Amino acid sequence: MIYGFVMSLISIYSWTLVIYILMSWFPGARESSIGRFLGSICEPYLEVFRRIIPPIGMLDISPIVAIFVLNFFIRTGVNVLFSWIVW
């Protein structure tokens, strides 16, 4: 039950990241109330990757890496964590 809840939260956060990233394609979308709300949720996580991965010209690939890391955590980290708890 807890495992499913944690997986759902991580999945929702992953989709939130995707929506926030896509909002950068629309002028003024990040300045809206929804954009500011998503920014307050997503930017702390994305900032970690932006400090490590510099932009390539005008292209910021750090959000792509952030989503890959989150999905890797979903597939391995959560399973390992809950196998230790259950065991």
Foldseek 3Di string as FASTA:
>chain_A
DVLVVVLVVLVVLLVLLVVLVVLVVPPPSLVDPVNVVSCVVPVVQLVVQCVVDPADVPHDCSSVVSSVVSVVCSVPVSVVVVVVVVD
